[in-house]
Protein backbone atom coordinates (compact mmCIF):
# COMPACT_ATOMS: atom_id res chain seq x y z
CA MET A 1 -7.05 13.65 17.71
CA ALA A 2 -8.28 10.20 16.52
CA VAL A 3 -8.83 9.91 12.79
CA ARG A 4 -12.19 8.55 11.74
CA VAL A 5 -12.00 6.20 8.85
CA ASN A 6 -15.05 5.33 6.91
CA PRO A 7 -14.55 2.45 4.59
CA GLN A 8 -17.64 3.36 2.60
CA PHE A 9 -15.97 6.43 1.01
CA GLY A 10 -12.99 4.85 -0.77
CA MET A 11 -9.93 6.47 0.85
CA GLY A 12 -10.88 4.98 4.24
CA GLN A 13 -10.75 1.51 2.67
CA VAL A 14 -7.47 2.44 1.08
CA TYR A 15 -6.08 3.42 4.58
CA LEU A 16 -7.26 0.21 6.02
CA ASP A 17 -5.72 -1.74 3.22
CA ALA A 18 -2.45 0.15 3.62
CA ASN A 19 -2.37 -0.46 7.38
CA ALA A 20 -3.06 -4.27 6.68
CA GLU A 21 -0.15 -4.21 4.27
CA ALA A 22 2.33 -2.54 6.91
CA VAL A 23 1.12 -5.12 9.50
CA ARG A 24 1.81 -7.94 6.96
CA ARG A 25 5.34 -6.64 6.17
CA GLY A 26 6.19 -5.96 9.85
CA ASP A 27 6.36 -2.25 9.64
CA ARG A 28 5.33 -0.02 12.59
CA ARG A 29 4.15 2.91 10.29
CA VAL A 30 2.14 3.22 7.33
CA GLY A 31 4.33 4.72 4.58
CA THR A 32 3.68 5.84 0.91
CA ASP A 33 4.70 2.29 -0.33
CA HIS A 34 1.83 0.70 1.77
CA VAL A 35 -0.65 3.23 0.36
CA VAL A 36 0.67 2.60 -3.21
CA LEU A 37 0.30 -1.17 -2.72
CA ALA A 38 -3.28 -0.64 -1.33
CA LEU A 39 -4.22 1.50 -4.36
CA LEU A 40 -2.86 -1.25 -6.68
CA ALA A 41 -4.32 -4.12 -4.79
CA ASP A 42 -7.64 -3.99 -6.65
CA ARG A 43 -7.07 -4.69 -10.29
CA ASP A 44 -10.27 -2.83 -11.39
CA SER A 45 -9.34 0.37 -9.50
CA VAL A 46 -8.94 3.64 -11.37
CA THR A 47 -5.36 3.74 -10.09
CA ALA A 48 -4.35 0.16 -11.25
CA ARG A 49 -5.94 0.69 -14.66
CA ALA A 50 -4.39 4.19 -15.07
CA LEU A 51 -0.91 2.59 -14.53
CA GLY A 52 -1.55 -0.53 -16.49
CA TRP A 53 -0.55 -2.44 -13.27
CA THR A 54 -2.32 -5.81 -12.96
CA TRP A 55 0.16 -7.84 -11.00
CA THR A 56 0.18 -6.73 -7.33
CA PRO A 57 2.79 -9.47 -6.23
CA ARG A 58 5.42 -7.70 -8.41
CA ALA A 59 4.60 -4.47 -6.83
CA ARG A 60 5.09 -6.06 -3.27
CA ARG A 61 8.46 -7.55 -4.33
CA TRP A 62 9.64 -4.19 -5.61
CA SER A 63 8.39 -2.39 -2.54
CA GLY A 64 10.17 -4.92 -0.38
CA TRP A 65 13.31 -4.68 -2.24
CA ILE A 66 13.40 -0.74 -1.95
CA ALA A 67 12.56 -0.94 1.74
CA ARG A 68 15.49 -3.39 2.38
CA ARG A 69 17.91 -1.22 0.50
CA TRP A 70 16.86 1.89 2.33
CA ARG A 71 17.07 0.34 5.53
CA ARG A 72 20.70 -0.80 4.81
CA SER A 73 21.75 2.56 3.64
CA GLY A 74 20.35 4.42 6.71
């Protein structure tokens, strides 16, 4: 069954952003790391403000580092 995504309602846009992040990193699937990065991408989002996270490039570096370590250990 196909999933309908409506960017107008927030989570649809988060999924689209997470998918774009996965493509940018060369990953074949959207994972939780991509979703977290998508949630943090907008500095004014509730998620970013709640976590006090305002520097997305740092999140991308950490996410990439964790992914590389996980791949090496697997």
